[in-house]
C-alpha atoms as a PDB file:
ATOM      1  CA  UNK A   1     115.976 128.754 101.821  1.00  0.00           C
ATOM      2  CA  UNK A   2     120.245 129.014 103.178  1.00  0.00           C
ATOM      3  CA  UNK A   3     119.267 131.164 106.151  1.00  0.00           C
ATOM      4  CA  UNK A   4     116.273 129.863 107.097  1.00  0.00           C
ATOM      5  CA  UNK A   5     116.017 128.309 110.624  1.00  0.00           C
ATOM      6  CA  UNK A   6     113.605 126.136 109.760  1.00  0.00           C
ATOM      7  CA  UNK A   7     115.483 124.787 106.459  1.00  0.00           C
ATOM      8  CA  UNK A   8     118.932 124.104 108.404  1.00  0.00           C
ATOM      9  CA  UNK A   9     116.619 122.176 111.531  1.00  0.00           C
ATOM     10  CA  UNK A  10     115.354 120.212 108.628  1.00  0.00           C
ATOM     11  CA  UNK A  11     118.673 119.960 107.173  1.00  0.00           C
ATOM     12  CA  UNK A  12     120.121 118.662 109.810  1.00  0.00           C
ATOM     13  CA  UNK A  13     122.621 121.378 110.039  1.00  0.00           C
ATOM     14  CA  UNK A  14     120.774 122.346 113.118  1.00  0.00           C
ATOM     15  CA  UNK A  15     120.669 119.937 116.033  1.00  0.00           C
ATOM     16  CA  UNK A  16     116.235 119.988 117.491  1.00  0.00           C
ATOM     17  CA  UNK A  17     114.374 117.042 119.695  1.00  0.00           C
ATOM     18  CA  UNK A  18     112.842 115.478 116.709  1.00  0.00           C
ATOM     19  CA  UNK A  19     109.561 114.720 117.776  1.00  0.00           C
ATOM     20  CA  UNK A  20     107.780 113.219 114.771  1.00  0.00           C
ATOM     21  CA  UNK A  21     108.461 112.812 111.212  1.00  0.00           C
ATOM     22  CA  UNK A  22     107.713 111.557 107.970  1.00  0.00           C
ATOM     23  CA  UNK A  23     108.492 111.930 103.889  1.00  0.00           C
ATOM     24  CA  UNK A  24     106.186 115.768 103.590  1.00  0.00           C
ATOM     25  CA  UNK A  25     106.552 117.123 107.681  1.00  0.00           C
ATOM     26  CA  UNK A  26     109.146 118.071 110.667  1.00  0.00           C
ATOM     27  CA  UNK A  27     108.463 118.409 114.047  1.00  0.00           C
ATOM     28  CA  UNK A  28     110.375 119.129 116.486  1.00  0.00           C
ATOM     29  CA  UNK A  29     110.177 120.770 120.515  1.00  0.00           C
ATOM     30  CA  UNK A  30     110.447 123.959 120.614  1.00  0.00           C
ATOM     31  CA  UNK A  31     113.740 125.339 122.766  1.00  0.00           C
ATOM     32  CA  UNK A  32     111.424 128.228 123.957  1.00  0.00           C
ATOM     33  CA  UNK A  33     107.864 126.112 125.368  1.00  0.00           C
ATOM     34  CA  UNK A  34     105.393 128.010 126.479  1.00  0.00           C
ATOM     35  CA  UNK A  35     103.403 125.502 127.632  1.00  0.00           C
ATOM     36  CA  UNK A  36     104.662 122.318 128.630  1.00  0.00           C
ATOM     37  CA  UNK A  37     104.013 121.082 125.308  1.00  0.00           C
ATOM     38  CA  UNK A  38     104.695 122.836 122.633  1.00  0.00           C
ATOM     39  CA  UNK A  39     105.962 121.231 119.413  1.00  0.00           C
ATOM     40  CA  UNK A  40     106.511 122.554 116.189  1.00  0.00           C
ATOM     41  CA  UNK A  41     105.673 121.135 112.642  1.00  0.00           C
ATOM     42  CA  UNK A  42     107.029 122.942 109.934  1.00  0.00           C
ATOM     43  CA  UNK A  43     106.891 121.370 105.498  1.00  0.00           C
ATOM     44  CA  UNK A  44     110.375 119.934 104.399  1.00  0.00           C
ATOM     45  CA  UNK A  45     110.048 122.677 101.759  1.00  0.00           C
ATOM     46  CA  UNK A  46     110.346 126.099 101.804  1.00  0.00           C
ATOM     47  CA  UNK A  47     106.977 127.432 101.791  1.00  0.00           C
ATOM     48  CA  UNK A  48     106.896 131.900 103.648  1.00  0.00           C
ATOM     49  CA  UNK A  49     103.700 131.875 104.994  1.00  0.00           C
ATOM     50  CA  UNK A  50     100.061 130.508 105.068  1.00  0.00           C
ATOM     51  CA  UNK A  51      99.508 133.440 102.879  1.00  0.00           C
ATOM     52  CA  UNK A  52     102.178 131.435 100.091  1.00  0.00           C
ATOM     53  CA  UNK A  53      99.980 128.078 100.064  1.00  0.00           C
ATOM     54  CA  UNK A  54      99.579 127.429  96.765  1.00  0.00           C
ATOM     55  CA  UNK A  55      98.549 124.564  93.895  1.00  0.00           C
ATOM     56  CA  UNK A  56     100.562 122.007  94.960  1.00  0.00           C
ATOM     57  CA  UNK A  57     101.676 122.698  98.715  1.00  0.00           C
ATOM     58  CA  UNK A  58      98.510 122.810 100.235  1.00  0.00           C
ATOM     59  CA  UNK A  59      99.514 118.820 100.130  1.00  0.00           C
ATOM     60  CA  UNK A  60     102.384 119.937 102.961  1.00  0.00           C
ATOM     61  CA  UNK A  61      99.906 122.210 104.443  1.00  0.00           C
ATOM     62  CA  UNK A  62      97.007 119.297 104.725  1.00  0.00           C
ATOM     63  CA  UNK A  63     100.534 117.176 105.594  1.00  0.00           C
ATOM     64  CA  UNK A  64     101.520 119.368 108.850  1.00  0.00           C
ATOM     65  CA  UNK A  65      97.419 118.818 109.740  1.00  0.00           C
ATOM     66  CA  UNK A  66      97.623 115.594 109.325  1.00  0.00           C
ATOM     67  CA  UNK A  67     100.600 114.968 112.185  1.00  0.00           C
ATOM     68  CA  UNK A  68      99.200 117.001 114.077  1.00  0.00           C
ATOM     69  CA  UNK A  69      96.491 114.983 116.053  1.00  0.00           C
ATOM     70  CA  UNK A  70      99.629 111.807 115.539  1.00  0.00           C
ATOM     71  CA  UNK A  71     102.657 114.254 116.958  1.00  0.00           C
ATOM     72  CA  UNK A  72      99.287 115.330 120.333  1.00  0.00           C
ATOM     73  CA  UNK A  73      99.598 110.966 120.856  1.00  0.00           C
ATOM     74  CA  UNK A  74     103.231 110.886 121.177  1.00  0.00           C
ATOM     75  CA  UNK A  75     103.015 113.859 123.705  1.00  0.00           C
ATOM     76  CA  UNK A  76     100.486 112.709 125.517  1.00  0.00           C
ATOM     77  CA  UNK A  77      97.758 115.834 125.101  1.00  0.00           C
ATOM     78  CA  UNK A  78      95.595 113.723 122.366  1.00  0.00           C
ATOM     79  CA  UNK A  79      93.493 113.015 125.562  1.00  0.00           C
ATOM     80  CA  UNK A  80      94.081 115.791 127.197  1.00  0.00           C
ATOM     81  CA  UNK A  81      93.046 118.601 125.206  1.00  0.00           C
ATOM     82  CA  UNK A  82      96.178 121.596 122.826  1.00  0.00           C
ATOM     83  CA  UNK A  83      95.902 123.869 120.677  1.00  0.00           C
ATOM     84  CA  UNK A  84      97.357 124.554 117.448  1.00  0.00           C
ATOM     85  CA  UNK A  85      98.335 127.684 116.365  1.00  0.00           C
ATOM     86  CA  UNK A  86     100.170 129.397 112.806  1.00  0.00           C
ATOM     87  CA  UNK A  87     101.055 132.763 113.322  1.00  0.00           C
ATOM     88  CA  UNK A  88     101.010 134.518 109.847  1.00  0.00           C
ATOM     89  CA  UNK A  89     103.311 137.293 108.887  1.00  0.00           C
ATOM     90  CA  UNK A  90     105.244 139.822 111.557  1.00  0.00           C
ATOM     91  CA  UNK A  91     102.092 141.736 112.725  1.00  0.00           C
ATOM     92  CA  UNK A  92     100.354 138.356 112.771  1.00  0.00           C
ATOM     93  CA  UNK A  93     103.528 137.148 115.114  1.00  0.00           C
ATOM     94  CA  UNK A  94     104.924 135.355 112.687  1.00  0.00           C
ATOM     95  CA  UNK A  95     108.988 135.448 114.507  1.00  0.00           C
ATOM     96  CA  UNK A  96     110.651 132.835 111.528  1.00  0.00           C
ATOM     97  CA  UNK A  97     109.383 133.231 107.532  1.00  0.00           C
ATOM     98  CA  UNK A  98     108.948 129.302 106.792  1.00  0.00           C
ATOM     99  CA  UNK A  99     105.402 128.317 107.671  1.00  0.00           C
ATOM    100  CA  UNK A 100     104.562 126.448 111.092  1.00  0.00           C
ATOM    101  CA  UNK A 101     102.430 126.009 113.686  1.00  0.00           C
ATOM    102  CA  UNK A 102     102.323 124.761 117.273  1.00  0.00           C
ATOM    103  CA  UNK A 103     101.240 122.495 119.217  1.00  0.00           C
ATOM    104  CA  UNK A 104     100.029 123.716 122.468  1.00  0.00           C
ATOM    105  CA  UNK A 105      98.909 121.667 126.118  1.00  0.00           C
ATOM    106  CA  UNK A 106     100.469 120.334 128.700  1.00  0.00           C
ATOM    107  CA  UNK A 107      97.781 121.998 130.620  1.00  0.00           C
ATOM    108  CA  UNK A 108      94.922 124.236 130.753  1.00  0.00           C
ATOM    109  CA  UNK A 109      95.321 127.250 127.894  1.00  0.00           C
ATOM    110  CA  UNK A 110      92.910 129.744 128.903  1.00  0.00           C
ATOM    111  CA  UNK A 111      92.094 132.302 126.599  1.00  0.00           C
ATOM    112  CA  UNK A 112      96.470 133.852 125.917  1.00  0.00           C
ATOM    113  CA  UNK A 113      98.026 133.159 123.660  1.00  0.00           C
ATOM    114  CA  UNK A 114     100.261 129.637 125.274  1.00  0.00           C
END
């Protein structure tokens, strides 16, 4: 998608602080963190929402899930704990309509998001 900010980050036309990358996933630091560790994990194909994960897109959802513990290790929250969140659609809090996962940690996370 030409106007998708995450697609532009994947292509490198918008800079990011890359944390991890493989052939299907990119993880980068969130520019508006709500916790000391706040990383965004995205599939390298444009999938608008979690509701659009069908067919071959399952491999991309699996890829970001498999990348999460790797990113947690890189960020040093794998032993103390972290949270992963996928917001879906407007009322679910999704702001960028490219499937993505938030990895949050670095402090005690209570019932609030972040």
